[in-house]
Structure formats: C-alpha cells, structure tokens
Amino acid sequence: MAPDDRRRACEVQAKSHLLHLREGFLECGGRPEEVAHLITRSAAPLAALMRHVTRLGGMDAHSEAFRPILALEASGALAAADALALYPKYLRSVEQFAQALDRWGQTREGS
C-alpha cells in the first residue's frame, strides 16, 4: 500500500473509532457497566489503529493517554466506576489523535 493511501486509511480508522465511541456512549446512556464494556470492546480496534499508524513512520502512535485502554486488550477488565472517569479522557485523546493525523497528512502533502 502506498504511504499516502495508508495515511488516509489511518485517518478514516481514527475518525471511525471516535464516532464509535461517541455513538456507543449515547446508546448506553452513560450507565457505568455499559461504558466499561464499550471501552473494553474498543481496546482491540485501538491497538490495531496504533499498529497501522506506527507503520506510517514519522508519527508517534505510542501515546501515554492510550496506555490504560491498550492494557484492557490483555486484561479485559475495567471496573464500572473507573469507566466513567476514563471515558472523557479517552474520547479527548482519540479526538486529539485524529486531529494530529489530519495535520500530519496536510504537512506531508504540503512537503
């Protein structure tokens, strides 16, 4: 896959992940157990996104903000009480990451 195509695919994947998190939260009505399940289910897709972004080169995909989410891929356990505190930070981090991918792509295309 060409580097520009890979970058665009990562942008789409990041924005889709963000949309999934927003829709999932609305659907679960903010109920702690369901938010915990939403976040836990999102760990594997986030890990896949990070692997794809790493292949781009030139962009750091190892965000500290994602560490607690990525750890869920292995453990699969998130307390409901922790989910409500974690979700806003997670959502904000994915938003910032998607924006960084956009900026990175614009910078690369402008080179």
N, C-alpha and C. Protein backbone atom coordinates (compact mmCIF):
# COMPACT_ATOMS: atom_id res chain seq x y z
N MET A 1 0.86 -1.18 0.00
CA MET A 1 0.00 0.00 0.00
C MET A 1 0.89 1.23 0.00
N ALA A 2 0.53 2.20 -0.81
CA ALA A 2 1.27 3.46 -0.89
C ALA A 2 1.16 4.22 0.42
N PRO A 3 2.21 4.93 0.81
CA PRO A 3 2.18 5.66 2.09
C PRO A 3 1.00 6.62 2.23
N ASP A 4 0.64 7.35 1.18
CA ASP A 4 -0.49 8.28 1.27
C ASP A 4 -1.81 7.53 1.46
N ASP A 5 -1.92 6.38 0.81
CA ASP A 5 -3.13 5.57 0.99
C ASP A 5 -3.21 5.02 2.41
N ARG A 6 -2.08 4.61 2.95
CA ARG A 6 -2.03 4.09 4.32
C ARG A 6 -2.40 5.19 5.32
N ARG A 7 -1.88 6.39 5.09
CA ARG A 7 -2.20 7.52 5.98
C ARG A 7 -3.68 7.83 5.93
N ARG A 8 -4.25 7.88 4.73
CA ARG A 8 -5.69 8.15 4.62
C ARG A 8 -6.50 7.05 5.29
N ALA A 9 -6.07 5.82 5.15
CA ALA A 9 -6.77 4.71 5.81
C ALA A 9 -6.71 4.86 7.33
N CYS A 10 -5.58 5.31 7.84
CA CYS A 10 -5.45 5.54 9.29
C CYS A 10 -6.35 6.68 9.74
N GLU A 11 -6.45 7.72 8.93
CA GLU A 11 -7.34 8.83 9.27
C GLU A 11 -8.78 8.35 9.36
N VAL A 12 -9.20 7.56 8.38
CA VAL A 12 -10.57 7.03 8.38
C VAL A 12 -10.78 6.14 9.60
N GLN A 13 -9.80 5.30 9.89
CA GLN A 13 -9.91 4.39 11.03
C GLN A 13 -10.01 5.17 12.34
N ALA A 14 -9.21 6.22 12.49
CA ALA A 14 -9.24 7.03 13.72
C ALA A 14 -10.59 7.75 13.86
N LYS A 15 -11.08 8.30 12.78
CA LYS A 15 -12.36 9.01 12.84
C LYS A 15 -13.51 8.03 13.08
N SER A 16 -13.42 6.85 12.52
CA SER A 16 -14.45 5.83 12.77
C SER A 16 -14.44 5.40 14.23
N HIS A 17 -13.24 5.28 14.78
CA HIS A 17 -13.11 4.90 16.20
C HIS A 17 -13.75 5.96 17.08
N LEU A 18 -13.48 7.20 16.76
CA LEU A 18 -14.06 8.32 17.50
C LEU A 18 -15.59 8.30 17.41
N LEU A 19 -16.11 8.10 16.24
CA LEU A 19 -17.55 8.04 16.04
C LEU A 19 -18.16 6.88 16.82
N HIS A 20 -17.50 5.74 16.80
CA HIS A 20 -17.97 4.56 17.54
C HIS A 20 -18.04 4.87 19.04
N LEU A 21 -17.03 5.54 19.57
CA LEU A 21 -17.03 5.87 21.00
C LEU A 21 -18.17 6.82 21.35
N ARG A 22 -18.39 7.81 20.51
CA ARG A 22 -19.47 8.77 20.77
C ARG A 22 -20.84 8.11 20.70
N GLU A 23 -21.06 7.36 19.62
CA GLU A 23 -22.35 6.69 19.46
C GLU A 23 -22.59 5.67 20.57
N GLY A 24 -21.52 4.91 20.90
CA GLY A 24 -21.65 3.90 21.94
C GLY A 24 -22.03 4.49 23.27
N PHE A 25 -21.45 5.64 23.59
CA PHE A 25 -21.76 6.29 24.86
C PHE A 25 -23.22 6.73 24.89
N LEU A 26 -23.68 7.29 23.80
CA LEU A 26 -25.08 7.72 23.73
C LEU A 26 -26.02 6.52 23.85
N GLU A 27 -25.68 5.45 23.17
CA GLU A 27 -26.53 4.26 23.21
C GLU A 27 -26.60 3.64 24.60
N CYS A 28 -25.50 3.71 25.35
CA CYS A 28 -25.52 3.08 26.67
C CYS A 28 -26.03 4.05 27.74
N GLY A 29 -26.35 5.26 27.35
CA GLY A 29 -26.96 6.19 28.28
C GLY A 29 -26.09 6.54 29.47
N GLY A 30 -24.79 6.36 29.35
CA GLY A 30 -23.89 6.70 30.44
C GLY A 30 -23.91 5.72 31.60
N ARG A 31 -24.57 4.57 31.44
CA ARG A 31 -24.61 3.57 32.51
C ARG A 31 -23.20 2.99 32.70
N PRO A 32 -22.66 3.06 33.91
CA PRO A 32 -21.26 2.70 34.15
C PRO A 32 -20.86 1.32 33.63
N GLU A 33 -21.69 0.31 33.84
CA GLU A 33 -21.32 -1.05 33.39
C GLU A 33 -21.21 -1.10 31.87
N GLU A 34 -22.11 -0.41 31.19
CA GLU A 34 -22.10 -0.42 29.73
C GLU A 34 -20.96 0.44 29.18
N VAL A 35 -20.62 1.52 29.86
CA VAL A 35 -19.47 2.34 29.45
C VAL A 35 -18.20 1.51 29.60
N ALA A 36 -18.10 0.75 30.67
CA ALA A 36 -16.94 -0.12 30.87
C ALA A 36 -16.84 -1.14 29.75
N HIS A 37 -17.97 -1.70 29.35
CA HIS A 37 -17.99 -2.67 28.26
C HIS A 37 -17.61 -2.01 26.94
N LEU A 38 -18.11 -0.81 26.68
CA LEU A 38 -17.77 -0.05 25.48
C LEU A 38 -16.27 0.18 25.39
N ILE A 39 -15.69 0.65 26.48
CA ILE A 39 -14.26 0.93 26.49
C ILE A 39 -13.45 -0.35 26.31
N THR A 40 -13.84 -1.40 27.00
CA THR A 40 -13.12 -2.67 26.89
C THR A 40 -13.18 -3.22 25.47
N ARG A 41 -14.35 -3.17 24.86
CA ARG A 41 -14.51 -3.65 23.48
C ARG A 41 -13.70 -2.81 22.50
N SER A 42 -13.42 -1.57 22.82
CA SER A 42 -12.70 -0.69 21.91
C SER A 42 -11.19 -0.86 21.98
N ALA A 43 -10.70 -1.64 22.94
CA ALA A 43 -9.25 -1.78 23.11
C ALA A 43 -8.59 -2.44 21.91
N ALA A 44 -9.14 -3.51 21.39
CA ALA A 44 -8.53 -4.21 20.25
C ALA A 44 -8.51 -3.33 18.99
N PRO A 45 -9.62 -2.66 18.65
CA PRO A 45 -9.56 -1.76 17.49
C PRO A 45 -8.56 -0.61 17.68
N LEU A 46 -8.44 -0.10 18.90
CA LEU A 46 -7.45 0.95 19.16
C LEU A 46 -6.05 0.41 18.95
N ALA A 47 -5.79 -0.80 19.44
CA ALA A 47 -4.46 -1.40 19.26
C ALA A 47 -4.15 -1.58 17.78
N ALA A 48 -5.13 -2.00 17.00
CA ALA A 48 -4.94 -2.15 15.55
C ALA A 48 -4.61 -0.80 14.91
N LEU A 49 -5.34 0.24 15.30
CA LEU A 49 -5.06 1.58 14.79
C LEU A 49 -3.64 2.00 15.12
N MET A 50 -3.20 1.77 16.34
CA MET A 50 -1.85 2.14 16.74
C MET A 50 -0.80 1.39 15.90
N ARG A 51 -1.05 0.12 15.63
CA ARG A 51 -0.11 -0.65 14.79
C ARG A 51 -0.05 -0.06 13.38
N HIS A 52 -1.20 0.32 12.83
CA HIS A 52 -1.24 0.88 11.48
C HIS A 52 -0.53 2.23 11.43
N VAL A 53 -0.75 3.05 12.44
CA VAL A 53 -0.10 4.36 12.47
C VAL A 53 1.41 4.21 12.62
N THR A 54 1.83 3.23 13.39
CA THR A 54 3.27 3.00 13.56
C THR A 54 3.93 2.71 12.22
N ARG A 55 3.22 2.03 11.35
CA ARG A 55 3.76 1.71 10.02
C ARG A 55 3.93 2.94 9.14
N LEU A 56 3.24 4.01 9.47
CA LEU A 56 3.37 5.24 8.69
C LEU A 56 4.77 5.82 8.80
N GLY A 57 5.35 5.70 9.98
CA GLY A 57 6.65 6.32 10.21
C GLY A 57 6.50 7.82 10.34
N GLY A 58 7.26 8.41 11.21
CA GLY A 58 7.23 9.85 11.38
C GLY A 58 6.14 10.36 12.31
N MET A 59 5.32 9.45 12.83
CA MET A 59 4.29 9.86 13.77
C MET A 59 4.30 8.92 14.96
N ASP A 60 4.29 9.49 16.14
CA ASP A 60 4.33 8.68 17.36
C ASP A 60 2.93 8.17 17.68
N ALA A 61 2.79 6.85 17.66
CA ALA A 61 1.49 6.23 17.96
C ALA A 61 1.44 5.69 19.38
N HIS A 62 2.49 5.87 20.14
CA HIS A 62 2.54 5.30 21.48
C HIS A 62 2.20 6.36 22.53
N SER A 63 0.97 6.79 22.49
CA SER A 63 0.51 7.83 23.39
C SER A 63 0.30 7.29 24.80
N GLU A 64 0.78 8.01 25.77
CA GLU A 64 0.57 7.65 27.18
C GLU A 64 -0.93 7.63 27.50
N ALA A 65 -1.67 8.48 26.84
CA ALA A 65 -3.11 8.56 27.11
C ALA A 65 -3.83 7.27 26.76
N PHE A 66 -3.28 6.51 25.83
CA PHE A 66 -3.92 5.27 25.41
C PHE A 66 -3.47 4.04 26.20
N ARG A 67 -2.45 4.20 27.00
CA ARG A 67 -1.90 3.05 27.74
C ARG A 67 -2.96 2.29 28.56
N PRO A 68 -3.83 2.98 29.33
CA PRO A 68 -4.83 2.23 30.11
C PRO A 68 -5.82 1.47 29.22
N ILE A 69 -6.12 2.02 28.06
CA ILE A 69 -7.06 1.36 27.15
C ILE A 69 -6.39 0.15 26.52
N LEU A 70 -5.17 0.34 26.06
CA LEU A 70 -4.46 -0.76 25.41
C LEU A 70 -4.22 -1.92 26.38
N ALA A 71 -4.05 -1.62 27.66
CA ALA A 71 -3.87 -2.67 28.66
C ALA A 71 -5.13 -3.53 28.78
N LEU A 72 -6.27 -2.97 28.44
CA LEU A 72 -7.53 -3.72 28.52
C LEU A 72 -7.61 -4.82 27.47
N GLU A 73 -6.83 -4.68 26.41
CA GLU A 73 -6.86 -5.72 25.38
C GLU A 73 -6.44 -7.05 25.96
N ALA A 74 -5.47 -7.02 26.87
CA ALA A 74 -4.99 -8.25 27.51
C ALA A 74 -5.84 -8.63 28.72
N SER A 75 -6.16 -7.66 29.55
CA SER A 75 -6.86 -7.98 30.80
C SER A 75 -8.36 -8.11 30.63
N GLY A 76 -8.93 -7.28 29.76
CA GLY A 76 -10.36 -7.32 29.52
C GLY A 76 -11.20 -6.91 30.71
N ALA A 77 -10.61 -6.29 31.72
CA ALA A 77 -11.34 -5.95 32.94
C ALA A 77 -11.24 -4.45 33.22
N LEU A 78 -12.39 -3.83 33.34
CA LEU A 78 -12.46 -2.43 33.72
C LEU A 78 -13.64 -2.26 34.66
N ALA A 79 -13.37 -1.75 35.84
CA ALA A 79 -14.42 -1.53 36.82
C ALA A 79 -15.36 -0.44 36.32
N ALA A 80 -16.64 -0.63 36.55
CA ALA A 80 -17.65 0.33 36.10
C ALA A 80 -17.37 1.72 36.65
N ALA A 81 -16.96 1.81 37.89
CA ALA A 81 -16.69 3.12 38.50
C ALA A 81 -15.51 3.82 37.79
N ASP A 82 -14.54 3.05 37.35
CA ASP A 82 -13.39 3.62 36.66
C ASP A 82 -13.74 4.06 35.25
N ALA A 83 -14.72 3.40 34.64
CA ALA A 83 -15.08 3.68 33.25
C ALA A 83 -15.57 5.12 33.07
N LEU A 84 -16.39 5.58 34.00
CA LEU A 84 -16.94 6.93 33.87
C LEU A 84 -15.87 8.00 34.00
N ALA A 85 -14.83 7.73 34.76
CA ALA A 85 -13.72 8.67 34.88
C ALA A 85 -12.80 8.59 33.67
N LEU A 86 -12.65 7.40 33.11
CA LEU A 86 -11.73 7.17 31.99
C LEU A 86 -12.30 7.65 30.65
N TYR A 87 -13.59 7.49 30.45
CA TYR A 87 -14.19 7.76 29.15
C TYR A 87 -13.90 9.18 28.62
N PRO A 88 -14.12 10.24 29.39
CA PRO A 88 -13.87 11.59 28.83
C PRO A 88 -12.42 11.79 28.39
N LYS A 89 -11.49 11.27 29.16
CA LYS A 89 -10.07 11.40 28.80
C LYS A 89 -9.77 10.61 27.53
N TYR A 90 -10.34 9.42 27.44
CA TYR A 90 -10.15 8.57 26.28
C TYR A 90 -10.72 9.25 25.03
N LEU A 91 -11.94 9.74 25.12
CA LEU A 91 -12.57 10.40 23.99
C LEU A 91 -11.74 11.61 23.54
N ARG A 92 -11.31 12.41 24.48
CA ARG A 92 -10.49 13.60 24.17
C ARG A 92 -9.18 13.19 23.50
N SER A 93 -8.57 12.12 23.97
CA SER A 93 -7.31 11.65 23.38
C SER A 93 -7.50 11.16 21.95
N VAL A 94 -8.60 10.46 21.70
CA VAL A 94 -8.87 10.00 20.33
C VAL A 94 -9.16 11.19 19.42
N GLU A 95 -9.89 12.18 19.92
CA GLU A 95 -10.14 13.40 19.14
C GLU A 95 -8.82 14.08 18.77
N GLN A 96 -7.94 14.23 19.75
CA GLN A 96 -6.65 14.88 19.50
C GLN A 96 -5.79 14.06 18.56
N PHE A 97 -5.86 12.74 18.68
CA PHE A 97 -5.08 11.87 17.82
C PHE A 97 -5.57 11.97 16.37
N ALA A 98 -6.89 11.99 16.17
CA ALA A 98 -7.45 12.12 14.82
C ALA A 98 -7.05 13.48 14.22
N GLN A 99 -7.07 14.53 15.02
CA GLN A 99 -6.66 15.85 14.55
C GLN A 99 -5.18 15.86 14.19
N ALA A 100 -4.36 15.18 14.99
CA ALA A 100 -2.93 15.11 14.70
C ALA A 100 -2.67 14.36 13.39
N LEU A 101 -3.43 13.30 13.16
CA LEU A 101 -3.31 12.58 11.88
C LEU A 101 -3.66 13.49 10.71
N ASP A 102 -4.71 14.28 10.86
CA ASP A 102 -5.10 15.23 9.81
C ASP A 102 -3.98 16.24 9.55
N ARG A 103 -3.46 16.82 10.63
CA ARG A 103 -2.39 17.81 10.47
C ARG A 103 -1.15 17.17 9.87
N TRP A 104 -0.83 15.96 10.31
CA TRP A 104 0.35 15.27 9.81
C TRP A 104 0.21 15.00 8.31
N GLY A 105 -0.99 14.62 7.91
CA GLY A 105 -1.23 14.37 6.49
C GLY A 105 -1.13 15.65 5.68
N GLN A 106 -1.62 16.76 6.19
CA GLN A 106 -1.54 18.03 5.48
C GLN A 106 -0.10 18.49 5.38
N THR A 107 0.67 18.27 6.43
CA THR A 107 2.08 18.64 6.43
C THR A 107 2.83 17.82 5.40
N ARG A 108 2.55 16.52 5.37
CA ARG A 108 3.23 15.63 4.43
C ARG A 108 2.86 15.97 2.98
N GLU A 109 1.59 16.30 2.74
CA GLU A 109 1.15 16.62 1.38
C GLU A 109 1.70 17.96 0.94
N GLY A 110 1.93 18.87 1.89
CA GLY A 110 2.47 20.18 1.57
C GLY A 110 3.97 20.18 1.36
N SER A 111 4.63 19.06 1.68
CA SER A 111 6.10 19.00 1.55
C SER A 111 6.52 18.94 0.12
